[in-house]
Amino acid sequence: MDTIEKASDYAQEAAEKMAKGTAQAAKALGEKGEQLLSAEQRMMKNCCRYVAEYPMTSVLIAIASGYLLKSLLSER
């Protein structure tokens, strides 16, 4: 019985360590997700500001991008 109790104790310790590790990983992923969301929001604001300041340049960039995508995705 002593061996079974030791094995049970080791298994419980391992499970607790795994739970602690997964909780830390989840926290880190949550923080990174918030950072990515913040970066995305900043980029959208910058993009909107650029389009407002340079509307003609923005239209030309959009046309060039569309033409490039069309040529890359079209079947030959």
Protein backbone atom coordinates (compact mmCIF):
# COMPACT_ATOMS: atom_id res chain seq x y z
CA MET A 1 0.00 0.00 0.00
CA ASP A 2 2.88 2.35 0.74
CA THR A 3 4.00 2.28 -2.91
CA ILE A 4 0.51 3.08 -4.15
CA GLU A 5 0.25 6.04 -1.78
CA LYS A 6 3.63 7.37 -2.94
CA ALA A 7 2.61 7.01 -6.58
CA SER A 8 -0.65 8.79 -5.82
CA ASP A 9 1.22 11.62 -4.09
CA TYR A 10 3.61 12.00 -7.05
CA ALA A 11 0.70 12.00 -9.48
CA GLN A 12 -1.08 14.66 -7.45
CA GLU A 13 2.04 16.82 -7.31
CA ALA A 14 2.53 16.46 -11.05
CA ALA A 15 -1.09 17.42 -11.69
CA GLU A 16 -0.73 20.51 -9.48
CA LYS A 17 2.45 21.56 -11.30
CA MET A 18 0.74 21.11 -14.66
CA ALA A 19 -2.27 23.13 -13.53
CA LYS A 20 0.02 25.92 -12.31
CA GLY A 21 1.93 25.88 -15.59
CA THR A 22 -1.21 26.01 -17.71
CA ALA A 23 -2.58 28.87 -15.61
CA GLN A 24 0.64 30.83 -16.18
CA ALA A 25 0.53 30.08 -19.90
CA ALA A 26 -3.11 31.19 -20.12
CA LYS A 27 -2.26 34.43 -18.33
CA ALA A 28 0.65 35.10 -20.70
CA LEU A 29 -1.51 34.40 -23.74
CA GLY A 30 -4.20 36.71 -22.41
CA GLU A 31 -1.68 39.51 -21.98
CA LYS A 32 -0.30 38.97 -25.48
CA GLY A 33 -3.82 38.99 -26.87
CA GLU A 34 -4.49 42.34 -25.22
CA GLN A 35 -1.22 43.71 -26.63
CA LEU A 36 -2.14 42.54 -30.13
CA LEU A 37 -5.60 44.09 -29.86
CA SER A 38 -4.08 47.38 -28.73
CA ALA A 39 -1.58 47.32 -31.60
CA GLU A 40 -4.37 46.61 -34.09
CA GLN A 41 -6.41 49.55 -32.79
CA ARG A 42 -3.38 51.88 -33.03
CA MET A 43 -2.71 50.74 -36.60
CA MET A 44 -6.34 51.36 -37.60
CA LYS A 45 -6.22 54.88 -36.13
CA ASN A 46 -2.98 55.59 -37.98
CA CYS A 47 -4.42 54.24 -41.21
CA CYS A 48 -7.59 56.33 -40.88
CA ARG A 49 -5.51 59.41 -40.13
CA TYR A 50 -3.32 58.77 -43.20
CA VAL A 51 -6.36 58.35 -45.46
CA ALA A 52 -7.85 61.58 -44.10
CA GLU A 53 -4.59 63.48 -44.69
CA TYR A 54 -3.76 61.98 -48.09
CA PRO A 55 -6.98 60.86 -49.81
CA MET A 56 -5.63 60.79 -53.38
CA THR A 57 -2.50 58.89 -52.41
CA SER A 58 -4.67 56.42 -50.50
CA VAL A 59 -6.88 55.85 -53.54
CA LEU A 60 -3.85 55.28 -55.75
CA ILE A 61 -2.39 52.82 -53.24
CA ALA A 62 -5.71 50.96 -53.13
CA ILE A 63 -5.87 50.77 -56.93
CA ALA A 64 -2.28 49.56 -57.19
CA SER A 65 -2.85 46.98 -54.46
CA GLY A 66 -6.00 45.72 -56.18
CA TYR A 67 -4.22 45.44 -59.51
CA LEU A 68 -1.31 43.59 -57.89
CA LEU A 69 -3.62 41.15 -56.08
CA LYS A 70 -5.62 40.58 -59.28
CA SER A 71 -2.46 39.77 -61.23
CA LEU A 72 -1.17 37.45 -58.50
CA LEU A 73 -4.45 35.59 -58.05
CA SER A 74 -5.60 35.39 -61.67
CA GLU A 75 -5.30 32.09 -63.47
CA ARG A 76 -3.04 32.03 -66.46
